[in-house]
Amino acid sequence: MSGNDARYDADSAVLVAAKQKAALQEHAKMQWLACFDSALSAAEVGLERKQRERRAAQRAAEAQDAARGQRNRPAPSRC
């Protein structure tokens, strides 16, 4: 085995290791992004549910206010 062959083999090994490292880093990044996306989706679902609950509570309060207003309204004058 000549010096050039040994150097080529070493360079190839370094290149393969660098490519493997890059692939692992990319895979880790994709896993992290998927995890982040899942957490974000869950937060969005929770926020949407909270907003729906808040709107429903507001509509219920408005309906109660309207019902109270109808009950507390003085009877029309018969003059």
PDB file of N, CA and C in Angstrom:
ATOM      1  N   MET A   1       0.849  -1.170   0.000  1.00  0.00           N
ATOM      2  CA  MET A   1       0.000   0.000   0.000  1.00  0.00           C
ATOM      3  C   MET A   1       0.897   1.236   0.000  1.00  0.00           C
ATOM      4  N   SER A   2       0.661   2.084  -0.906  1.00  0.00           N
ATOM      5  CA  SER A   2       1.505   3.274  -1.024  1.00  0.00           C
ATOM      6  C   SER A   2       0.998   4.366  -0.092  1.00  0.00           C
ATOM      7  N   GLY A   3       1.802   5.395   0.047  1.00  0.00           N
ATOM      8  CA  GLY A   3       1.436   6.528   0.888  1.00  0.00           C
ATOM      9  C   GLY A   3       0.198   7.236   0.371  1.00  0.00           C
ATOM     10  N   ASN A   4       0.084   7.320  -0.971  1.00  0.00           N
ATOM     11  CA  ASN A   4      -1.082   7.980  -1.554  1.00  0.00           C
ATOM     12  C   ASN A   4      -2.360   7.202  -1.256  1.00  0.00           C
ATOM     13  N   ASP A   5      -2.278   5.868  -1.328  1.00  0.00           N
ATOM     14  CA  ASP A   5      -3.453   5.041  -1.035  1.00  0.00           C
ATOM     15  C   ASP A   5      -3.887   5.213   0.420  1.00  0.00           C
ATOM     16  N   ALA A   6      -2.910   5.243   1.309  1.00  0.00           N
ATOM     17  CA  ALA A   6      -3.217   5.402   2.737  1.00  0.00           C
ATOM     18  C   ALA A   6      -3.849   6.761   2.993  1.00  0.00           C
ATOM     19  N   ARG A   7      -3.290   7.779   2.328  1.00  0.00           N
ATOM     20  CA  ARG A   7      -3.849   9.128   2.500  1.00  0.00           C
ATOM     21  C   ARG A   7      -5.259   9.189   1.934  1.00  0.00           C
ATOM     22  N   TYR A   8      -5.474   8.569   0.777  1.00  0.00           N
ATOM     23  CA  TYR A   8      -6.801   8.539   0.165  1.00  0.00           C
ATOM     24  C   TYR A   8      -7.787   7.829   1.087  1.00  0.00           C
ATOM     25  N   ASP A   9      -7.377   6.702   1.675  1.00  0.00           N
ATOM     26  CA  ASP A   9      -8.239   5.965   2.595  1.00  0.00           C
ATOM     27  C   ASP A   9      -8.572   6.806   3.827  1.00  0.00           C
ATOM     28  N   ALA A  10      -7.583   7.519   4.337  1.00  0.00           N
ATOM     29  CA  ALA A  10      -7.807   8.369   5.512  1.00  0.00           C
ATOM     30  C   ALA A  10      -8.752   9.514   5.164  1.00  0.00           C
ATOM     31  N   ASP A  11      -8.524  10.136   4.009  1.00  0.00           N
ATOM     32  CA  ASP A  11      -9.401  11.225   3.572  1.00  0.00           C
ATOM     33  C   ASP A  11     -10.825  10.713   3.364  1.00  0.00           C
ATOM     34  N   SER A  12     -10.951   9.526   2.790  1.00  0.00           N
ATOM     35  CA  SER A  12     -12.270   8.933   2.568  1.00  0.00           C
ATOM     36  C   SER A  12     -12.969   8.667   3.896  1.00  0.00           C
ATOM     37  N   ALA A  13     -12.213   8.154   4.864  1.00  0.00           N
ATOM     38  CA  ALA A  13     -12.790   7.872   6.179  1.00  0.00           C
ATOM     39  C   ALA A  13     -13.264   9.157   6.849  1.00  0.00           C
ATOM     40  N   VAL A  14     -12.468  10.218   6.721  1.00  0.00           N
ATOM     41  CA  VAL A  14     -12.852  11.511   7.298  1.00  0.00           C
ATOM     42  C   VAL A  14     -14.104  12.037   6.607  1.00  0.00           C
ATOM     43  N   LEU A  15     -14.155  11.916   5.287  1.00  0.00           N
ATOM     44  CA  LEU A  15     -15.314  12.376   4.532  1.00  0.00           C
ATOM     45  C   LEU A  15     -16.563  11.590   4.919  1.00  0.00           C
ATOM     46  N   VAL A  16     -16.436  10.281   5.031  1.00  0.00           N
ATOM     47  CA  VAL A  16     -17.571   9.439   5.428  1.00  0.00           C
ATOM     48  C   VAL A  16     -18.037   9.824   6.830  1.00  0.00           C
ATOM     49  N   ALA A  17     -17.093  10.024   7.742  1.00  0.00           N
ATOM     50  CA  ALA A  17     -17.448  10.403   9.115  1.00  0.00           C
ATOM     51  C   ALA A  17     -18.148  11.759   9.139  1.00  0.00           C
ATOM     52  N   ALA A  18     -17.665  12.698   8.336  1.00  0.00           N
ATOM     53  CA  ALA A  18     -18.285  14.022   8.275  1.00  0.00           C
ATOM     54  C   ALA A  18     -19.702  13.932   7.720  1.00  0.00           C
ATOM     55  N   LYS A  19     -19.890  13.106   6.691  1.00  0.00           N
ATOM     56  CA  LYS A  19     -21.230  12.936   6.123  1.00  0.00           C
ATOM     57  C   LYS A  19     -22.169  12.280   7.129  1.00  0.00           C
ATOM     58  N   GLN A  20     -21.666  11.290   7.867  1.00  0.00           N
ATOM     59  CA  GLN A  20     -22.488  10.631   8.881  1.00  0.00           C
ATOM     60  C   GLN A  20     -22.872  11.608   9.991  1.00  0.00           C
ATOM     61  N   LYS A  21     -21.899  12.419  10.389  1.00  0.00           N
ATOM     62  CA  LYS A  21     -22.174  13.411  11.433  1.00  0.00           C
ATOM     63  C   LYS A  21     -23.230  14.399  10.951  1.00  0.00           C
ATOM     64  N   ALA A  22     -23.104  14.863   9.716  1.00  0.00           N
ATOM     65  CA  ALA A  22     -24.082  15.798   9.162  1.00  0.00           C
ATOM     66  C   ALA A  22     -25.464  15.152   9.089  1.00  0.00           C
ATOM     67  N   ALA A  23     -25.506  13.888   8.693  1.00  0.00           N
ATOM     68  CA  ALA A  23     -26.789  13.182   8.610  1.00  0.00           C
ATOM     69  C   ALA A  23     -27.416  13.041   9.997  1.00  0.00           C
ATOM     70  N   LEU A  24     -26.599  12.716  10.995  1.00  0.00           N
ATOM     71  CA  LEU A  24     -27.113  12.599  12.361  1.00  0.00           C
ATOM     72  C   LEU A  24     -27.607  13.944  12.889  1.00  0.00           C
ATOM     73  N   GLN A  25     -26.867  15.002  12.585  1.00  0.00           N
ATOM     74  CA  GLN A  25     -27.282  16.334  13.022  1.00  0.00           C
ATOM     75  C   GLN A  25     -28.594  16.729  12.349  1.00  0.00           C
ATOM     76  N   GLU A  26     -28.715  16.430  11.069  1.00  0.00           N
ATOM     77  CA  GLU A  26     -29.947  16.739  10.343  1.00  0.00           C
ATOM     78  C   GLU A  26     -31.114  15.945  10.929  1.00  0.00           C
ATOM     79  N   HIS A  27     -30.869  14.671  11.226  1.00  0.00           N
ATOM     80  CA  HIS A  27     -31.911  13.831  11.812  1.00  0.00           C
ATOM     81  C   HIS A  27     -32.337  14.380  13.176  1.00  0.00           C
ATOM     82  N   ALA A  28     -31.368  14.768  13.987  1.00  0.00           N
ATOM     83  CA  ALA A  28     -31.670  15.331  15.307  1.00  0.00           C
ATOM     84  C   ALA A  28     -32.456  16.630  15.165  1.00  0.00           C
ATOM     85  N   LYS A  29     -32.061  17.442  14.199  1.00  0.00           N
ATOM     86  CA  LYS A  29     -32.770  18.705  13.967  1.00  0.00           C
ATOM     87  C   LYS A  29     -34.212  18.440  13.549  1.00  0.00           C
ATOM     88  N   MET A  30     -34.411  17.462  12.677  1.00  0.00           N
ATOM     89  CA  MET A  30     -35.760  17.134  12.220  1.00  0.00           C
ATOM     90  C   MET A  30     -36.603  16.592  13.377  1.00  0.00           C
ATOM     91  N   GLN A  31     -35.998  15.776  14.243  1.00  0.00           N
ATOM     92  CA  GLN A  31     -36.724  15.274  15.411  1.00  0.00           C
ATOM     93  C   GLN A  31     -37.106  16.426  16.332  1.00  0.00           C
ATOM     94  N   TRP A  32     -36.179  17.354  16.537  1.00  0.00           N
ATOM     95  CA  TRP A  32     -36.459  18.499  17.393  1.00  0.00           C
ATOM     96  C   TRP A  32     -37.580  19.339  16.795  1.00  0.00           C
ATOM     97  N   LEU A  33     -37.522  19.572  15.488  1.00  0.00           N
ATOM     98  CA  LEU A  33     -38.568  20.359  14.838  1.00  0.00           C
ATOM     99  C   LEU A  33     -39.919  19.668  14.929  1.00  0.00           C
ATOM    100  N   ALA A  34     -39.940  18.353  14.764  1.00  0.00           N
ATOM    101  CA  ALA A  34     -41.194  17.606  14.872  1.00  0.00           C
ATOM    102  C   ALA A  34     -41.752  17.718  16.290  1.00  0.00           C
ATOM    103  N   CYS A  35     -40.874  17.618  17.270  1.00  0.00           N
ATOM    104  CA  CYS A  35     -41.294  17.744  18.666  1.00  0.00           C
ATOM    105  C   CYS A  35     -41.823  19.151  18.930  1.00  0.00           C
ATOM    106  N   PHE A  36     -41.113  20.152  18.452  1.00  0.00           N
ATOM    107  CA  PHE A  36     -41.531  21.539  18.620  1.00  0.00           C
ATOM    108  C   PHE A  36     -42.865  21.776  17.934  1.00  0.00           C
ATOM    109  N   ASP A  37     -43.022  21.226  16.724  1.00  0.00           N
ATOM    110  CA  ASP A  37     -44.269  21.370  15.981  1.00  0.00           C
ATOM    111  C   ASP A  37     -45.421  20.724  16.737  1.00  0.00           C
ATOM    112  N   SER A  38     -45.176  19.558  17.327  1.00  0.00           N
ATOM    113  CA  SER A  38     -46.214  18.884  18.118  1.00  0.00           C
ATOM    114  C   SER A  38     -46.617  19.736  19.315  1.00  0.00           C
ATOM    115  N   ALA A  39     -45.634  20.281  19.999  1.00  0.00           N
ATOM    116  CA  ALA A  39     -45.924  21.123  21.160  1.00  0.00           C
ATOM    117  C   ALA A  39     -46.669  22.375  20.739  1.00  0.00           C
ATOM    118  N   LEU A  40     -46.264  22.953  19.626  1.00  0.00           N
ATOM    119  CA  LEU A  40     -46.929  24.146  19.127  1.00  0.00           C
ATOM    120  C   LEU A  40     -48.360  23.832  18.735  1.00  0.00           C
ATOM    121  N   SER A  41     -48.576  22.697  18.076  1.00  0.00           N
ATOM    122  CA  SER A  41     -49.926  22.298  17.692  1.00  0.00           C
ATOM    123  C   SER A  41     -50.794  22.107  18.927  1.00  0.00           C
ATOM    124  N   ALA A  42     -50.248  21.472  19.948  1.00  0.00           N
ATOM    125  CA  ALA A  42     -51.000  21.265  21.184  1.00  0.00           C
ATOM    126  C   ALA A  42     -51.350  22.604  21.829  1.00  0.00           C
ATOM    127  N   ALA A  43     -50.410  23.533  21.803  1.00  0.00           N
ATOM    128  CA  ALA A  43     -50.662  24.858  22.367  1.00  0.00           C
ATOM    129  C   ALA A  43     -51.737  25.580  21.571  1.00  0.00           C
ATOM    130  N   GLU A  44     -51.705  25.449  20.245  1.00  0.00           N
ATOM    131  CA  GLU A  44     -52.720  26.076  19.404  1.00  0.00           C
ATOM    132  C   GLU A  44     -54.095  25.490  19.693  1.00  0.00           C
ATOM    133  N   VAL A  45     -54.163  24.169  19.846  1.00  0.00           N
ATOM    134  CA  VAL A  45     -55.437  23.519  20.155  1.00  0.00           C
ATOM    135  C   VAL A  45     -55.953  24.011  21.499  1.00  0.00           C
ATOM    136  N   GLY A  46     -55.065  24.092  22.487  1.00  0.00           N
ATOM    137  CA  GLY A  46     -55.463  24.590  23.800  1.00  0.00           C
ATOM    138  C   GLY A  46     -55.935  26.031  23.735  1.00  0.00           C
ATOM    139  N   LEU A  47     -55.253  26.851  22.962  1.00  0.00           N
ATOM    140  CA  LEU A  47     -55.636  28.249  22.815  1.00  0.00           C
ATOM    141  C   LEU A  47     -56.990  28.368  22.129  1.00  0.00           C
ATOM    142  N   GLU A  48     -57.202  27.586  21.073  1.00  0.00           N
ATOM    143  CA  GLU A  48     -58.488  27.617  20.378  1.00  0.00           C
ATOM    144  C   GLU A  48     -59.616  27.189  21.311  1.00  0.00           C
ATOM    145  N   ARG A  49     -59.378  26.142  22.109  1.00  0.00           N
ATOM    146  CA  ARG A  49     -60.395  25.675  23.052  1.00  0.00           C
ATOM    147  C   ARG A  49     -60.697  26.767  24.071  1.00  0.00           C
ATOM    148  N   LYS A  50     -59.645  27.409  24.576  1.00  0.00           N
ATOM    149  CA  LYS A  50     -59.819  28.477  25.555  1.00  0.00           C
ATOM    150  C   LYS A  50     -60.622  29.632  24.951  1.00  0.00           C
ATOM    151  N   GLN A  51     -60.329  29.976  23.695  1.00  0.00           N
ATOM    152  CA  GLN A  51     -61.060  31.052  23.037  1.00  0.00           C
ATOM    153  C   GLN A  51     -62.529  30.681  22.851  1.00  0.00           C
ATOM    154  N   ARG A  52     -62.797  29.414  22.459  1.00  0.00           N
ATOM    155  CA  ARG A  52     -64.192  28.971  22.314  1.00  0.00           C
ATOM    156  C   ARG A  52     -64.922  29.048  23.652  1.00  0.00           C
ATOM    157  N   GLU A  53     -64.254  28.595  24.714  1.00  0.00           N
ATOM    158  CA  GLU A  53     -64.863  28.649  26.044  1.00  0.00           C
ATOM    159  C   GLU A  53     -65.143  30.088  26.455  1.00  0.00           C
ATOM    160  N   ARG A  54     -64.206  30.972  26.167  1.00  0.00           N
ATOM    161  CA  ARG A  54     -64.376  32.381  26.519  1.00  0.00           C
ATOM    162  C   ARG A  54     -65.548  32.996  25.749  1.00  0.00           C
ATOM    163  N   ARG A  55     -65.644  32.662  24.443  1.00  0.00           N
ATOM    164  CA  ARG A  55     -66.763  33.189  23.648  1.00  0.00           C
ATOM    165  C   ARG A  55     -68.096  32.638  24.153  1.00  0.00           C
ATOM    166  N   ALA A  56     -68.127  31.352  24.491  1.00  0.00           N
ATOM    167  CA  ALA A  56     -69.360  30.744  25.004  1.00  0.00           C
ATOM    168  C   ALA A  56     -69.764  31.395  26.325  1.00  0.00           C
ATOM    169  N   ALA A  57     -68.802  31.646  27.195  1.00  0.00           N
ATOM    170  CA  ALA A  57     -69.093  32.297  28.474  1.00  0.00           C
ATOM    171  C   ALA A  57     -69.601  33.716  28.246  1.00  0.00           C
ATOM    172  N   GLN A  58     -69.021  34.401  27.274  1.00  0.00           N
ATOM    173  CA  GLN A  58     -69.461  35.759  26.986  1.00  0.00           C
ATOM    174  C   GLN A  58     -70.884  35.754  26.439  1.00  0.00           C
ATOM    175  N   ARG A  59     -71.181  34.792  25.536  1.00  0.00           N
ATOM    176  CA  ARG A  59     -72.551  34.702  25.005  1.00  0.00           C
ATOM    177  C   ARG A  59     -73.544  34.377  26.120  1.00  0.00           C
ATOM    178  N   ALA A  60     -73.160  33.493  27.038  1.00  0.00           N
ATOM    179  CA  ALA A  60     -74.041  33.144  28.156  1.00  0.00           C
ATOM    180  C   ALA A  60     -74.282  34.363  29.046  1.00  0.00           C
ATOM    181  N   ALA A  61     -73.230  35.127  29.310  1.00  0.00           N
ATOM    182  CA  ALA A  61     -73.371  36.329  30.132  1.00  0.00           C
ATOM    183  C   ALA A  61     -74.265  37.352  29.438  1.00  0.00           C
ATOM    184  N   GLU A  62     -74.109  37.493  28.129  1.00  0.00           N
ATOM    185  CA  GLU A  62     -74.953  38.427  27.381  1.00  0.00           C
ATOM    186  C   GLU A  62     -76.404  37.969  27.403  1.00  0.00           C
ATOM    187  N   ALA A  63     -76.629  36.665  27.297  1.00  0.00           N
ATOM    188  CA  ALA A  63     -77.992  36.139  27.342  1.00  0.00           C
ATOM    189  C   ALA A  63     -78.604  36.378  28.722  1.00  0.00           C
ATOM    190  N   GLN A  64     -77.816  36.185  29.779  1.00  0.00           N
ATOM    191  CA  GLN A  64     -78.319  36.449  31.130  1.00  0.00           C
ATOM    192  C   GLN A  64     -78.634  37.927  31.306  1.00  0.00           C
ATOM    193  N   ASP A  65     -77.755  38.788  30.806  1.00  0.00           N
ATOM    194  CA  ASP A  65     -78.000  40.227  30.893  1.00  0.00           C
ATOM    195  C   ASP A  65     -79.277  40.594  30.152  1.00  0.00           C
ATOM    196  N   ALA A  66     -79.470  40.016  28.984  1.00  0.00           N
ATOM    197  CA  ALA A  66     -80.674  40.300  28.205  1.00  0.00           C
ATOM    198  C   ALA A  66     -81.909  39.802  28.948  1.00  0.00           C
ATOM    199  N   ALA A  67     -81.819  38.619  29.551  1.00  0.00           N
ATOM    200  CA  ALA A  67     -82.956  38.077  30.300  1.00  0.00           C
ATOM    201  C   ALA A  67     -83.251  38.946  31.519  1.00  0.00           C
ATOM    202  N   ARG A  68     -82.231  39.400  32.208  1.00  0.00           N
ATOM    203  CA  ARG A  68     -82.436  40.283  33.365  1.00  0.00           C
ATOM    204  C   ARG A  68     -83.062  41.598  32.921  1.00  0.00           C
ATOM    205  N   GLY A  69     -82.605  42.097  31.812  1.00  0.00           N
ATOM    206  CA  GLY A  69     -83.142  43.354  31.298  1.00  0.00           C
ATOM    207  C   GLY A  69     -84.617  43.227  30.977  1.00  0.00           C
ATOM    208  N   GLN A  70     -85.034  42.102  30.464  1.00  0.00           N
ATOM    209  CA  GLN A  70     -86.444  41.881  30.140  1.00  0.00           C
ATOM    210  C   GLN A  70     -87.259  41.758  31.425  1.00  0.00           C
ATOM    211  N   ARG A  71     -86.722  41.077  32.440  1.00  0.00           N
ATOM    212  CA  ARG A  71     -87.460  40.878  33.691  1.00  0.00           C
ATOM    213  C   ARG A  71     -87.534  42.169  34.494  1.00  0.00           C
ATOM    214  N   ASN A  72     -86.492  42.965  34.439  1.00  0.00           N
ATOM    215  CA  ASN A  72     -86.433  44.168  35.270  1.00  0.00           C
ATOM    216  C   ASN A  72     -87.030  45.396  34.592  1.00  0.00           C
ATOM    217  N   ARG A  73     -87.478  45.230  33.377  1.00  0.00           N
ATOM    218  CA  ARG A  73     -88.043  46.375  32.667  1.00  0.00           C
ATOM    219  C   ARG A  73     -89.400  46.719  33.288  1.00  0.00           C
ATOM    220  N   PRO A  74     -89.655  47.992  33.542  1.00  0.00           N
ATOM    221  CA  PRO A  74     -90.957  48.362  34.118  1.00  0.00           C
ATOM    222  C   PRO A  74     -92.082  48.067  33.123  1.00  0.00           C
ATOM    223  N   ALA A  75     -93.230  47.776  33.660  1.00  0.00           N
ATOM    224  CA  ALA A  75     -94.390  47.489  32.811  1.00  0.00           C
ATOM    225  C   ALA A  75     -94.766  48.771  32.080  1.00  0.00           C
ATOM    226  N   PRO A  76     -95.236  48.637  30.860  1.00  0.00           N
ATOM    227  CA  PRO A  76     -95.620  49.851  30.117  1.00  0.00           C
ATOM    228  C   PRO A  76     -96.797  50.550  30.802  1.00  0.00           C
ATOM    229  N   SER A  77     -96.759  51.824  30.731  1.00  0.00           N
ATOM    230  CA  SER A  77     -97.815  52.641  31.336  1.00  0.00           C
ATOM    231  C   SER A  77     -99.094  52.470  30.536  1.00  0.00           C
ATOM    232  N   ARG A  78    -100.222  52.435  31.231  1.00  0.00           N
ATOM    233  CA  ARG A  78    -101.511  52.263  30.537  1.00  0.00           C
ATOM    234  C   ARG A  78    -102.286  53.567  30.507  1.00  0.00           C
ATOM    235  N   CYS A  79    -101.653  54.644  30.630  1.00  0.00           N
ATOM    236  CA  CYS A  79    -102.344  55.924  30.628  1.00  0.00           C
ATOM    237  C   CYS A  79    -102.760  56.327  29.252  1.00  0.00           C
TER     238      CYS A  79
END
